[in-house]
Amino acid sequence: MTDQQITDTQTLDPMAEQARRDAVLAEAVSVIDGALAQMMQRELVSSGEVADLLLDVRTLLTAKH
């Protein structure tokens, strides 16, 4: 099976693929919103906490579901 055939079989249902992307995006936005709400209540936020948030969002956006 060629790479093109594999790609073709993985994207047979564009609506399902779009729904999956929308769900991943919604989850990432939810993580961002929750973290921002916590951070807004504090005077200082460590760079480690910001890095953790960015890594969480990156993981959500790049994970293969």
PDB file of N, CA and C in Angstrom:
ATOM      1  N   MET A   1       0.855  -1.177   0.000  1.00  0.00           N
ATOM      2  CA  MET A   1       0.000   0.000   0.000  1.00  0.00           C
ATOM      3  C   MET A   1       0.899   1.238   0.000  1.00  0.00           C
ATOM      4  N   THR A   2       0.596   2.188  -0.869  1.00  0.00           N
ATOM      5  CA  THR A   2       1.408   3.402  -0.963  1.00  0.00           C
ATOM      6  C   THR A   2       0.984   4.407   0.095  1.00  0.00           C
ATOM      7  N   ASP A   3       1.836   5.409   0.297  1.00  0.00           N
ATOM      8  CA  ASP A   3       1.499   6.474   1.252  1.00  0.00           C
ATOM      9  C   ASP A   3       0.208   7.175   0.856  1.00  0.00           C
ATOM     10  N   GLN A   4       0.018   7.371  -0.443  1.00  0.00           N
ATOM     11  CA  GLN A   4      -1.198   8.041  -0.914  1.00  0.00           C
ATOM     12  C   GLN A   4      -2.430   7.208  -0.603  1.00  0.00           C
ATOM     13  N   GLN A   5      -2.344   5.886  -0.781  1.00  0.00           N
ATOM     14  CA  GLN A   5      -3.482   5.022  -0.476  1.00  0.00           C
ATOM     15  C   GLN A   5      -3.802   5.041   1.011  1.00  0.00           C
ATOM     16  N   ILE A   6      -2.756   5.047   1.839  1.00  0.00           N
ATOM     17  CA  ILE A   6      -2.970   5.125   3.287  1.00  0.00           C
ATOM     18  C   ILE A   6      -3.641   6.433   3.638  1.00  0.00           C
ATOM     19  N   THR A   7      -3.160   7.534   3.068  1.00  0.00           N
ATOM     20  CA  THR A   7      -3.757   8.846   3.319  1.00  0.00           C
ATOM     21  C   THR A   7      -5.207   8.867   2.869  1.00  0.00           C
ATOM     22  N   ASP A   8      -5.483   8.301   1.701  1.00  0.00           N
ATOM     23  CA  ASP A   8      -6.853   8.273   1.188  1.00  0.00           C
ATOM     24  C   ASP A   8      -7.785   7.493   2.107  1.00  0.00           C
ATOM     25  N   THR A   9      -7.336   6.382   2.660  1.00  0.00           N
ATOM     26  CA  THR A   9      -8.202   5.580   3.524  1.00  0.00           C
ATOM     27  C   THR A   9      -8.385   6.215   4.888  1.00  0.00           C
ATOM     28  N   GLN A  10      -7.442   7.030   5.317  1.00  0.00           N
ATOM     29  CA  GLN A  10      -7.556   7.670   6.622  1.00  0.00           C
ATOM     30  C   GLN A  10      -8.488   8.874   6.590  1.00  0.00           C
ATOM     31  N   THR A  11      -8.774   9.420   5.440  1.00  0.00           N
ATOM     32  CA  THR A  11      -9.601  10.620   5.354  1.00  0.00           C
ATOM     33  C   THR A  11     -10.851  10.364   4.526  1.00  0.00           C
ATOM     34  N   LEU A  12     -11.444   9.197   4.679  1.00  0.00           N
ATOM     35  CA  LEU A  12     -12.650   8.873   3.923  1.00  0.00           C
ATOM     36  C   LEU A  12     -13.834   9.737   4.347  1.00  0.00           C
ATOM     37  N   ASP A  13     -13.883  10.098   5.615  1.00  0.00           N
ATOM     38  CA  ASP A  13     -15.015  10.866   6.110  1.00  0.00           C
ATOM     39  C   ASP A  13     -14.546  12.249   6.567  1.00  0.00           C
ATOM     40  N   PRO A  14     -14.581  13.236   5.681  1.00  0.00           N
ATOM     41  CA  PRO A  14     -14.097  14.573   6.053  1.00  0.00           C
ATOM     42  C   PRO A  14     -14.903  15.202   7.183  1.00  0.00           C
ATOM     43  N   MET A  15     -16.175  14.862   7.281  1.00  0.00           N
ATOM     44  CA  MET A  15     -16.996  15.416   8.372  1.00  0.00           C
ATOM     45  C   MET A  15     -16.520  14.881   9.728  1.00  0.00           C
ATOM     46  N   ALA A  16     -16.188  13.608   9.792  1.00  0.00           N
ATOM     47  CA  ALA A  16     -15.688  13.018  11.037  1.00  0.00           C
ATOM     48  C   ALA A  16     -14.335  13.616  11.401  1.00  0.00           C
ATOM     49  N   GLU A  17     -13.496  13.814  10.409  1.00  0.00           N
ATOM     50  CA  GLU A  17     -12.183  14.420  10.639  1.00  0.00           C
ATOM     51  C   GLU A  17     -12.333  15.851  11.164  1.00  0.00           C
ATOM     52  N   GLN A  18     -13.251  16.601  10.599  1.00  0.00           N
ATOM     53  CA  GLN A  18     -13.483  17.970  11.065  1.00  0.00           C
ATOM     54  C   GLN A  18     -14.044  17.974  12.480  1.00  0.00           C
ATOM     55  N   ALA A  19     -14.926  17.033  12.777  1.00  0.00           N
ATOM     56  CA  ALA A  19     -15.490  16.928  14.127  1.00  0.00           C
ATOM     57  C   ALA A  19     -14.390  16.612  15.137  1.00  0.00           C
ATOM     58  N   ARG A  20     -13.453  15.748  14.748  1.00  0.00           N
ATOM     59  CA  ARG A  20     -12.332  15.413  15.625  1.00  0.00           C
ATOM     60  C   ARG A  20     -11.458  16.638  15.870  1.00  0.00           C
ATOM     61  N   ARG A  21     -11.179  17.375  14.809  1.00  0.00           N
ATOM     62  CA  ARG A  21     -10.382  18.608  14.962  1.00  0.00           C
ATOM     63  C   ARG A  21     -11.087  19.611  15.863  1.00  0.00           C
ATOM     64  N   ASP A  22     -12.378  19.761  15.677  1.00  0.00           N
ATOM     65  CA  ASP A  22     -13.149  20.692  16.505  1.00  0.00           C
ATOM     66  C   ASP A  22     -13.111  20.290  17.978  1.00  0.00           C
ATOM     67  N   ALA A  23     -13.200  18.983  18.239  1.00  0.00           N
ATOM     68  CA  ALA A  23     -13.164  18.495  19.619  1.00  0.00           C
ATOM     69  C   ALA A  23     -11.805  18.753  20.260  1.00  0.00           C
ATOM     70  N   VAL A  24     -10.730  18.528  19.510  1.00  0.00           N
ATOM     71  CA  VAL A  24      -9.381  18.773  20.026  1.00  0.00           C
ATOM     72  C   VAL A  24      -9.198  20.255  20.302  1.00  0.00           C
ATOM     73  N   LEU A  25      -9.652  21.080  19.398  1.00  0.00           N
ATOM     74  CA  LEU A  25      -9.539  22.527  19.584  1.00  0.00           C
ATOM     75  C   LEU A  25     -10.341  22.992  20.798  1.00  0.00           C
ATOM     76  N   ALA A  26     -11.548  22.470  20.966  1.00  0.00           N
ATOM     77  CA  ALA A  26     -12.382  22.836  22.110  1.00  0.00           C
ATOM     78  C   ALA A  26     -11.713  22.428  23.423  1.00  0.00           C
ATOM     79  N   GLU A  27     -11.076  21.263  23.437  1.00  0.00           N
ATOM     80  CA  GLU A  27     -10.379  20.813  24.643  1.00  0.00           C
ATOM     81  C   GLU A  27      -9.185  21.711  24.942  1.00  0.00           C
ATOM     82  N   ALA A  28      -8.449  22.114  23.917  1.00  0.00           N
ATOM     83  CA  ALA A  28      -7.303  23.005  24.106  1.00  0.00           C
ATOM     84  C   ALA A  28      -7.755  24.353  24.645  1.00  0.00           C
ATOM     85  N   VAL A  29      -8.825  24.881  24.101  1.00  0.00           N
ATOM     86  CA  VAL A  29      -9.354  26.168  24.575  1.00  0.00           C
ATOM     87  C   VAL A  29      -9.812  26.048  26.025  1.00  0.00           C
ATOM     88  N   SER A  30     -10.392  24.914  26.371  1.00  0.00           N
ATOM     89  CA  SER A  30     -10.828  24.688  27.747  1.00  0.00           C
ATOM     90  C   SER A  30      -9.640  24.675  28.707  1.00  0.00           C
ATOM     91  N   VAL A  31      -8.554  24.031  28.310  1.00  0.00           N
ATOM     92  CA  VAL A  31      -7.345  24.013  29.137  1.00  0.00           C
ATOM     93  C   VAL A  31      -6.805  25.424  29.311  1.00  0.00           C
ATOM     94  N   ILE A  32      -6.759  26.176  28.236  1.00  0.00           N
ATOM     95  CA  ILE A  32      -6.272  27.556  28.293  1.00  0.00           C
ATOM     96  C   ILE A  32      -7.158  28.399  29.213  1.00  0.00           C
ATOM     97  N   ASP A  33      -8.465  28.301  29.033  1.00  0.00           N
ATOM     98  CA  ASP A  33      -9.391  29.091  29.852  1.00  0.00           C
ATOM     99  C   ASP A  33      -9.243  28.786  31.339  1.00  0.00           C
ATOM    100  N   GLY A  34      -9.134  27.494  31.670  1.00  0.00           N
ATOM    101  CA  GLY A  34      -8.981  27.107  33.074  1.00  0.00           C
ATOM    102  C   GLY A  34      -7.690  27.639  33.669  1.00  0.00           C
ATOM    103  N   ALA A  35      -6.609  27.513  32.923  1.00  0.00           N
ATOM    104  CA  ALA A  35      -5.316  27.988  33.414  1.00  0.00           C
ATOM    105  C   ALA A  35      -5.298  29.507  33.545  1.00  0.00           C
ATOM    106  N   LEU A  36      -5.887  30.201  32.581  1.00  0.00           N
ATOM    107  CA  LEU A  36      -5.921  31.668  32.666  1.00  0.00           C
ATOM    108  C   LEU A  36      -6.744  32.131  33.870  1.00  0.00           C
ATOM    109  N   ALA A  37      -7.835  31.455  34.138  1.00  0.00           N
ATOM    110  CA  ALA A  37      -8.669  31.824  35.298  1.00  0.00           C
ATOM    111  C   ALA A  37      -7.862  31.682  36.590  1.00  0.00           C
ATOM    112  N   GLN A  38      -7.084  30.606  36.700  1.00  0.00           N
ATOM    113  CA  GLN A  38      -6.251  30.416  37.895  1.00  0.00           C
ATOM    114  C   GLN A  38      -5.142  31.455  37.967  1.00  0.00           C
ATOM    115  N   MET A  39      -4.533  31.748  36.833  1.00  0.00           N
ATOM    116  CA  MET A  39      -3.412  32.690  36.820  1.00  0.00           C
ATOM    117  C   MET A  39      -3.851  34.120  37.095  1.00  0.00           C
ATOM    118  N   MET A  40      -5.051  34.466  36.696  1.00  0.00           N
ATOM    119  CA  MET A  40      -5.535  35.839  36.885  1.00  0.00           C
ATOM    120  C   MET A  40      -5.755  36.161  38.369  1.00  0.00           C
ATOM    121  N   GLN A  41      -5.888  35.148  39.198  1.00  0.00           N
ATOM    122  CA  GLN A  41      -6.121  35.358  40.632  1.00  0.00           C
ATOM    123  C   GLN A  41      -4.818  35.570  41.400  1.00  0.00           C
ATOM    124  N   ARG A  42      -3.700  35.472  40.711  1.00  0.00           N
ATOM    125  CA  ARG A  42      -2.410  35.547  41.382  1.00  0.00           C
ATOM    126  C   ARG A  42      -1.607  36.739  40.894  1.00  0.00           C
ATOM    127  N   GLU A  43      -0.730  37.189  41.748  1.00  0.00           N
ATOM    128  CA  GLU A  43       0.153  38.304  41.394  1.00  0.00           C
ATOM    129  C   GLU A  43       1.270  37.847  40.448  1.00  0.00           C
ATOM    130  N   LEU A  44       1.880  36.709  40.778  1.00  0.00           N
ATOM    131  CA  LEU A  44       3.004  36.199  39.997  1.00  0.00           C
ATOM    132  C   LEU A  44       2.724  34.780  39.529  1.00  0.00           C
ATOM    133  N   VAL A  45       3.228  34.474  38.369  1.00  0.00           N
ATOM    134  CA  VAL A  45       3.121  33.124  37.820  1.00  0.00           C
ATOM    135  C   VAL A  45       4.524  32.718  37.396  1.00  0.00           C
ATOM    136  N   SER A  46       4.940  31.533  37.815  1.00  0.00           N
ATOM    137  CA  SER A  46       6.299  31.101  37.479  1.00  0.00           C
ATOM    138  C   SER A  46       6.406  30.713  36.009  1.00  0.00           C
ATOM    139  N   SER A  47       7.606  30.838  35.506  1.00  0.00           N
ATOM    140  CA  SER A  47       7.822  30.456  34.106  1.00  0.00           C
ATOM    141  C   SER A  47       7.584  28.958  33.918  1.00  0.00           C
ATOM    142  N   GLY A  48       7.819  28.160  34.948  1.00  0.00           N
ATOM    143  CA  GLY A  48       7.563  26.727  34.877  1.00  0.00           C
ATOM    144  C   GLY A  48       6.088  26.425  34.677  1.00  0.00           C
ATOM    145  N   GLU A  49       5.226  27.182  35.355  1.00  0.00           N
ATOM    146  CA  GLU A  49       3.786  26.985  35.194  1.00  0.00           C
ATOM    147  C   GLU A  49       3.319  27.379  33.794  1.00  0.00           C
ATOM    148  N   VAL A  50       3.876  28.437  33.267  1.00  0.00           N
ATOM    149  CA  VAL A  50       3.534  28.865  31.906  1.00  0.00           C
ATOM    150  C   VAL A  50       4.017  27.821  30.908  1.00  0.00           C
ATOM    151  N   ALA A  51       5.223  27.314  31.113  1.00  0.00           N
ATOM    152  CA  ALA A  51       5.760  26.279  30.225  1.00  0.00           C
ATOM    153  C   ALA A  51       4.889  25.025  30.276  1.00  0.00           C
ATOM    154  N   ASP A  52       4.439  24.637  31.469  1.00  0.00           N
ATOM    155  CA  ASP A  52       3.562  23.471  31.602  1.00  0.00           C
ATOM    156  C   ASP A  52       2.261  23.669  30.831  1.00  0.00           C
ATOM    157  N   LEU A  53       1.683  24.846  30.932  1.00  0.00           N
ATOM    158  CA  LEU A  53       0.447  25.146  30.210  1.00  0.00           C
ATOM    159  C   LEU A  53       0.666  25.050  28.702  1.00  0.00           C
ATOM    160  N   LEU A  54       1.746  25.653  28.223  1.00  0.00           N
ATOM    161  CA  LEU A  54       2.032  25.614  26.793  1.00  0.00           C
ATOM    162  C   LEU A  54       2.277  24.184  26.312  1.00  0.00           C
ATOM    163  N   LEU A  55       2.961  23.392  27.115  1.00  0.00           N
ATOM    164  CA  LEU A  55       3.190  21.999  26.743  1.00  0.00           C
ATOM    165  C   LEU A  55       1.880  21.202  26.712  1.00  0.00           C
ATOM    166  N   ASP A  56       0.998  21.470  27.673  1.00  0.00           N
ATOM    167  CA  ASP A  56      -0.309  20.795  27.682  1.00  0.00           C
ATOM    168  C   ASP A  56      -1.093  21.122  26.414  1.00  0.00           C
ATOM    169  N   VAL A  57      -1.128  22.381  26.042  1.00  0.00           N
ATOM    170  CA  VAL A  57      -1.851  22.800  24.859  1.00  0.00           C
ATOM    171  C   VAL A  57      -1.207  22.207  23.612  1.00  0.00           C
ATOM    172  N   ARG A  58       0.112  22.238  23.541  1.00  0.00           N
ATOM    173  CA  ARG A  58       0.811  21.666  22.396  1.00  0.00           C
ATOM    174  C   ARG A  58       0.503  20.175  22.259  1.00  0.00           C
ATOM    175  N   THR A  59       0.519  19.476  23.380  1.00  0.00           N
ATOM    176  CA  THR A  59       0.226  18.047  23.365  1.00  0.00           C
ATOM    177  C   THR A  59      -1.187  17.776  22.841  1.00  0.00           C
ATOM    178  N   LEU A  60      -2.138  18.567  23.296  1.00  0.00           N
ATOM    179  CA  LEU A  60      -3.517  18.388  22.837  1.00  0.00           C
ATOM    180  C   LEU A  60      -3.647  18.627  21.333  1.00  0.00           C
ATOM    181  N   LEU A  61      -2.980  19.653  20.858  1.00  0.00           N
ATOM    182  CA  LEU A  61      -3.106  20.025  19.449  1.00  0.00           C
ATOM    183  C   LEU A  61      -2.345  19.100  18.506  1.00  0.00           C
ATOM    184  N   THR A  62      -1.317  18.434  18.995  1.00  0.00           N
ATOM    185  CA  THR A  62      -0.523  17.589  18.114  1.00  0.00           C
ATOM    186  C   THR A  62      -0.765  16.102  18.300  1.00  0.00           C
ATOM    187  N   ALA A  63      -1.570  15.720  19.289  1.00  0.00           N
ATOM    188  CA  ALA A  63      -1.826  14.292  19.560  1.00  0.00           C
ATOM    189  C   ALA A  63      -2.617  13.686  18.402  1.00  0.00           C
ATOM    190  N   LYS A  64      -2.287  12.456  18.085  1.00  0.00           N
ATOM    191  CA  LYS A  64      -3.018  11.722  17.046  1.00  0.00           C
ATOM    192  C   LYS A  64      -4.106  10.927  17.745  1.00  0.00           C
ATOM    193  N   HIS A  65      -5.357  11.320  17.528  1.00  0.00           N
ATOM    194  CA  HIS A  65      -6.487  10.658  18.194  1.00  0.00           C
ATOM    195  C   HIS A  65      -7.025   9.578  17.315  1.00  0.00           C
TER     196      HIS A  65
END
